[in-house]
N, C-alpha and C. Protein backbone atom coordinates (compact mmCIF):
# COMPACT_ATOMS: atom_id res chain seq x y z
N MET A 1 53.21 71.65 -43.60
CA MET A 1 53.82 70.38 -43.28
C MET A 1 53.17 69.82 -42.02
N LEU A 2 52.87 68.56 -42.07
CA LEU A 2 52.28 67.90 -40.92
C LEU A 2 53.40 67.47 -39.98
N ALA A 3 53.42 68.06 -38.80
CA ALA A 3 54.46 67.77 -37.81
C ALA A 3 54.14 66.48 -37.08
N GLU A 4 55.17 65.75 -36.76
CA GLU A 4 55.03 64.52 -35.99
C GLU A 4 54.89 64.87 -34.50
N PRO A 5 53.96 64.25 -33.79
CA PRO A 5 53.79 64.54 -32.36
C PRO A 5 55.08 64.32 -31.56
N ALA A 6 55.88 63.34 -31.96
CA ALA A 6 57.13 63.07 -31.23
C ALA A 6 58.09 64.26 -31.31
N TRP A 7 57.96 65.06 -32.36
CA TRP A 7 58.85 66.21 -32.49
C TRP A 7 58.59 67.22 -31.39
N LYS A 8 57.33 67.40 -31.00
CA LYS A 8 57.02 68.34 -29.93
C LYS A 8 57.60 67.86 -28.62
N SER A 9 57.50 66.57 -28.36
CA SER A 9 58.10 66.00 -27.15
C SER A 9 59.60 66.23 -27.15
N ALA A 10 60.23 66.04 -28.31
CA ALA A 10 61.67 66.26 -28.42
C ALA A 10 62.02 67.73 -28.18
N LEU A 11 61.19 68.63 -28.70
CA LEU A 11 61.41 70.07 -28.47
C LEU A 11 61.33 70.40 -26.98
N LEU A 12 60.30 69.89 -26.34
CA LEU A 12 60.12 70.18 -24.92
C LEU A 12 61.28 69.61 -24.09
N GLN A 13 61.72 68.41 -24.43
CA GLN A 13 62.83 67.80 -23.70
C GLN A 13 64.12 68.57 -23.92
N LYS A 14 64.38 68.95 -25.18
CA LYS A 14 65.61 69.70 -25.46
C LYS A 14 65.57 71.05 -24.77
N GLY A 15 64.41 71.69 -24.75
CA GLY A 15 64.28 72.96 -24.03
C GLY A 15 64.60 72.81 -22.56
N GLN A 16 64.12 71.74 -21.95
CA GLN A 16 64.42 71.49 -20.53
C GLN A 16 65.91 71.24 -20.34
N ASP A 17 66.51 70.46 -21.24
CA ASP A 17 67.95 70.18 -21.14
C ASP A 17 68.78 71.45 -21.25
N VAL A 18 68.42 72.31 -22.20
CA VAL A 18 69.16 73.55 -22.41
C VAL A 18 68.96 74.49 -21.22
N ALA A 19 67.75 74.55 -20.69
CA ALA A 19 67.48 75.39 -19.51
C ALA A 19 68.32 74.93 -18.32
N GLU A 20 68.47 73.62 -18.16
CA GLU A 20 69.31 73.10 -17.08
C GLU A 20 70.78 73.45 -17.29
N LEU A 21 71.23 73.39 -18.54
CA LEU A 21 72.62 73.79 -18.83
C LEU A 21 72.82 75.27 -18.53
N LEU A 22 71.83 76.09 -18.89
CA LEU A 22 71.91 77.52 -18.62
C LEU A 22 71.98 77.77 -17.12
N ASP A 23 71.17 77.09 -16.35
CA ASP A 23 71.21 77.22 -14.89
C ASP A 23 72.60 76.86 -14.36
N ALA A 24 73.18 75.81 -14.90
CA ALA A 24 74.52 75.39 -14.47
C ALA A 24 75.55 76.46 -14.80
N VAL A 25 75.48 77.02 -16.01
CA VAL A 25 76.42 78.09 -16.41
C VAL A 25 76.25 79.30 -15.50
N LEU A 26 75.00 79.67 -15.22
CA LEU A 26 74.75 80.83 -14.36
C LEU A 26 75.22 80.58 -12.93
N SER A 27 75.33 79.31 -12.55
CA SER A 27 75.83 78.94 -11.22
C SER A 27 77.35 78.84 -11.19
N GLY A 28 77.98 79.10 -12.33
CA GLY A 28 79.44 79.08 -12.39
C GLY A 28 80.05 77.71 -12.66
N LYS A 29 79.23 76.75 -13.03
CA LYS A 29 79.73 75.41 -13.31
C LYS A 29 80.22 75.32 -14.75
N ASP A 30 81.19 74.44 -14.98
CA ASP A 30 81.64 74.14 -16.33
C ASP A 30 80.67 73.13 -16.94
N VAL A 31 80.25 73.38 -18.17
CA VAL A 31 79.33 72.47 -18.84
C VAL A 31 79.85 72.16 -20.23
N ASP A 32 79.45 71.01 -20.75
CA ASP A 32 79.80 70.60 -22.10
C ASP A 32 78.73 71.11 -23.05
N LEU A 33 79.12 71.97 -23.97
CA LEU A 33 78.17 72.55 -24.92
C LEU A 33 78.25 71.88 -26.28
N GLY A 34 78.83 70.70 -26.33
CA GLY A 34 79.01 69.98 -27.58
C GLY A 34 77.72 69.60 -28.28
N SER A 35 76.62 69.51 -27.55
CA SER A 35 75.35 69.13 -28.15
C SER A 35 74.57 70.32 -28.71
N LEU A 36 75.15 71.51 -28.62
CA LEU A 36 74.47 72.72 -29.11
C LEU A 36 74.85 73.01 -30.55
N PRO A 37 74.03 73.79 -31.25
CA PRO A 37 74.40 74.21 -32.60
C PRO A 37 75.72 74.98 -32.57
N VAL A 38 76.35 75.06 -33.71
CA VAL A 38 77.61 75.77 -33.84
C VAL A 38 77.44 77.22 -33.39
N PRO A 39 78.38 77.76 -32.62
CA PRO A 39 78.24 79.16 -32.16
C PRO A 39 78.31 80.14 -33.32
N PHE A 40 77.78 81.34 -33.08
CA PHE A 40 77.80 82.39 -34.10
C PHE A 40 79.21 82.90 -34.34
N GLY A 41 80.06 82.81 -33.36
CA GLY A 41 81.45 83.25 -33.47
C GLY A 41 82.33 82.36 -32.63
N PRO A 42 83.63 82.39 -32.87
CA PRO A 42 84.53 81.49 -32.15
C PRO A 42 84.59 81.75 -30.65
N ASP A 43 84.30 82.95 -30.23
CA ASP A 43 84.39 83.30 -28.81
C ASP A 43 83.03 83.59 -28.20
N GLN A 44 81.97 83.01 -28.75
CA GLN A 44 80.64 83.30 -28.23
C GLN A 44 80.52 82.82 -26.79
N ASP A 45 80.07 83.69 -25.95
CA ASP A 45 79.88 83.42 -24.53
C ASP A 45 78.92 82.24 -24.34
N PRO A 46 79.25 81.27 -23.47
CA PRO A 46 78.37 80.12 -23.25
C PRO A 46 76.95 80.52 -22.84
N GLU A 47 76.81 81.54 -21.99
CA GLU A 47 75.48 81.97 -21.58
C GLU A 47 74.68 82.47 -22.78
N LEU A 48 75.30 83.30 -23.61
CA LEU A 48 74.62 83.83 -24.80
C LEU A 48 74.27 82.70 -25.75
N ARG A 49 75.17 81.75 -25.91
CA ARG A 49 74.93 80.61 -26.79
C ARG A 49 73.73 79.79 -26.31
N LEU A 50 73.66 79.54 -25.01
CA LEU A 50 72.54 78.79 -24.45
C LEU A 50 71.23 79.57 -24.57
N ARG A 51 71.28 80.86 -24.26
CA ARG A 51 70.07 81.68 -24.36
C ARG A 51 69.56 81.74 -25.80
N SER A 52 70.46 81.88 -26.75
CA SER A 52 70.06 81.92 -28.17
C SER A 52 69.40 80.62 -28.60
N PHE A 53 69.99 79.51 -28.19
CA PHE A 53 69.43 78.21 -28.56
C PHE A 53 68.08 77.99 -27.87
N LEU A 54 67.96 78.39 -26.63
CA LEU A 54 66.69 78.27 -25.91
C LEU A 54 65.60 79.11 -26.59
N GLU A 55 65.95 80.29 -27.06
CA GLU A 55 65.00 81.13 -27.79
C GLU A 55 64.56 80.44 -29.08
N GLN A 56 65.50 79.80 -29.77
CA GLN A 56 65.18 79.09 -31.01
C GLN A 56 64.19 77.94 -30.71
N ILE A 57 64.43 77.21 -29.65
CA ILE A 57 63.54 76.12 -29.25
C ILE A 57 62.17 76.67 -28.87
N ASP A 58 62.13 77.76 -28.11
CA ASP A 58 60.86 78.38 -27.71
C ASP A 58 60.05 78.82 -28.92
N ARG A 59 60.72 79.41 -29.92
CA ARG A 59 60.01 79.84 -31.14
C ARG A 59 59.40 78.63 -31.85
N ALA A 60 60.16 77.53 -31.92
CA ALA A 60 59.65 76.32 -32.57
C ALA A 60 58.43 75.78 -31.83
N ILE A 61 58.47 75.81 -30.51
CA ILE A 61 57.33 75.34 -29.72
C ILE A 61 56.11 76.23 -29.97
N GLN A 62 56.33 77.54 -30.04
CA GLN A 62 55.22 78.49 -30.24
C GLN A 62 54.53 78.29 -31.58
N VAL A 63 55.28 77.93 -32.62
CA VAL A 63 54.68 77.78 -33.95
C VAL A 63 54.38 76.33 -34.31
N PHE A 64 54.63 75.42 -33.39
CA PHE A 64 54.53 74.00 -33.70
C PHE A 64 53.18 73.61 -34.30
N ASP A 65 52.09 74.11 -33.77
CA ASP A 65 50.75 73.74 -34.25
C ASP A 65 50.21 74.69 -35.31
N THR A 66 51.10 75.41 -35.98
CA THR A 66 50.68 76.34 -37.03
C THR A 66 51.29 75.92 -38.36
N ASP A 67 50.87 76.58 -39.42
CA ASP A 67 51.43 76.32 -40.74
C ASP A 67 52.87 76.80 -40.87
N ALA A 68 53.32 77.64 -39.94
CA ALA A 68 54.68 78.16 -40.01
C ALA A 68 55.72 77.10 -39.60
N TYR A 69 55.31 76.14 -38.80
CA TYR A 69 56.26 75.11 -38.35
C TYR A 69 56.68 74.25 -39.54
N GLY A 70 57.97 74.01 -39.62
CA GLY A 70 58.49 73.17 -40.69
C GLY A 70 58.76 73.92 -41.97
N ARG A 71 58.67 75.24 -41.91
CA ARG A 71 58.96 76.10 -43.08
C ARG A 71 60.08 77.07 -42.72
N CYS A 72 60.90 77.37 -43.70
CA CYS A 72 61.97 78.34 -43.49
C CYS A 72 61.36 79.70 -43.15
N GLN A 73 61.85 80.33 -42.10
CA GLN A 73 61.32 81.64 -41.70
C GLN A 73 61.71 82.74 -42.68
N PHE A 74 62.65 82.46 -43.58
CA PHE A 74 63.09 83.49 -44.51
C PHE A 74 62.45 83.37 -45.89
N CYS A 75 62.32 82.14 -46.40
CA CYS A 75 61.80 81.98 -47.76
C CYS A 75 60.53 81.14 -47.82
N GLY A 76 60.14 80.50 -46.73
CA GLY A 76 58.91 79.75 -46.68
C GLY A 76 58.96 78.34 -47.25
N VAL A 77 60.11 77.90 -47.72
CA VAL A 77 60.23 76.56 -48.28
C VAL A 77 60.08 75.53 -47.16
N ASP A 78 59.46 74.38 -47.50
CA ASP A 78 59.33 73.31 -46.52
C ASP A 78 60.71 72.78 -46.16
N LEU A 79 60.93 72.59 -44.86
CA LEU A 79 62.19 72.02 -44.39
C LEU A 79 62.16 70.51 -44.56
N ASP A 80 63.31 69.93 -44.66
CA ASP A 80 63.46 68.49 -44.83
C ASP A 80 62.91 67.76 -43.60
N ARG A 81 62.03 66.80 -43.82
CA ARG A 81 61.41 66.06 -42.70
C ARG A 81 62.46 65.32 -41.88
N HIS A 82 63.46 64.75 -42.54
CA HIS A 82 64.51 64.04 -41.80
C HIS A 82 65.28 65.01 -40.91
N ALA A 83 65.57 66.19 -41.44
CA ALA A 83 66.29 67.20 -40.64
C ALA A 83 65.45 67.61 -39.43
N LEU A 84 64.14 67.79 -39.63
CA LEU A 84 63.27 68.15 -38.51
C LEU A 84 63.15 67.02 -37.50
N GLN A 85 63.20 65.79 -37.97
CA GLN A 85 63.16 64.66 -37.05
C GLN A 85 64.40 64.68 -36.16
N GLN A 86 65.55 65.04 -36.72
CA GLN A 86 66.79 65.09 -35.97
C GLN A 86 66.89 66.36 -35.12
N GLN A 87 66.39 67.48 -35.64
CA GLN A 87 66.49 68.78 -34.97
C GLN A 87 65.16 69.52 -35.15
N PRO A 88 64.15 69.19 -34.34
CA PRO A 88 62.83 69.79 -34.55
C PRO A 88 62.76 71.29 -34.27
N TRP A 89 63.83 71.89 -33.84
CA TRP A 89 63.86 73.33 -33.59
C TRP A 89 64.31 74.11 -34.82
N LEU A 90 64.64 73.42 -35.90
CA LEU A 90 65.12 74.12 -37.11
C LEU A 90 64.08 75.13 -37.58
N ALA A 91 64.58 76.27 -38.05
CA ALA A 91 63.68 77.32 -38.51
C ALA A 91 64.11 77.88 -39.86
N ALA A 92 65.18 77.32 -40.43
CA ALA A 92 65.69 77.85 -41.69
C ALA A 92 66.17 76.72 -42.59
N CYS A 93 66.00 76.92 -43.89
CA CYS A 93 66.49 75.97 -44.87
C CYS A 93 68.02 76.06 -44.94
N PRO A 94 68.68 75.13 -45.61
CA PRO A 94 70.15 75.18 -45.69
C PRO A 94 70.68 76.49 -46.29
N VAL A 95 69.95 77.08 -47.21
CA VAL A 95 70.39 78.35 -47.82
C VAL A 95 70.44 79.47 -46.79
N HIS A 96 69.50 79.48 -45.86
CA HIS A 96 69.38 80.56 -44.88
C HIS A 96 69.82 80.16 -43.48
N ALA A 97 70.41 79.00 -43.32
CA ALA A 97 70.75 78.47 -41.98
C ALA A 97 71.67 79.37 -41.18
N GLY A 98 72.52 80.14 -41.81
CA GLY A 98 73.46 80.99 -41.09
C GLY A 98 72.91 82.35 -40.69
N ARG A 99 71.69 82.64 -41.07
CA ARG A 99 71.11 83.95 -40.76
C ARG A 99 70.53 83.97 -39.37
N TRP A 100 70.59 85.12 -38.73
CA TRP A 100 70.02 85.31 -37.39
C TRP A 100 68.52 85.47 -37.53
N ILE A 101 67.78 84.77 -36.69
CA ILE A 101 66.32 84.86 -36.68
C ILE A 101 65.90 85.67 -35.48
N SER A 102 65.17 86.73 -35.74
CA SER A 102 64.73 87.58 -34.62
C SER A 102 63.25 87.48 -34.41
């Protein structure tokens, strides 16, 4: 899949935003995590949630210029371009979206 250059900019910006939220959490500040993906569990620690999302963004940045970007990490199917435009850090198709990516 041919990635749009704007998606990389969005990835980098989101990574910076999430890193700033993580810094705030580590400083003991209350932060709004409403812009993050749904937590893995109802009581997921904010720090763990931010770290997990930051890792997901970092993985997307690492594979951005490769054939792996825009493909499900589990089955290899091309991800929806509209979904990637909205969330360029996506790494799984809807069938595999709930699986942990290591």
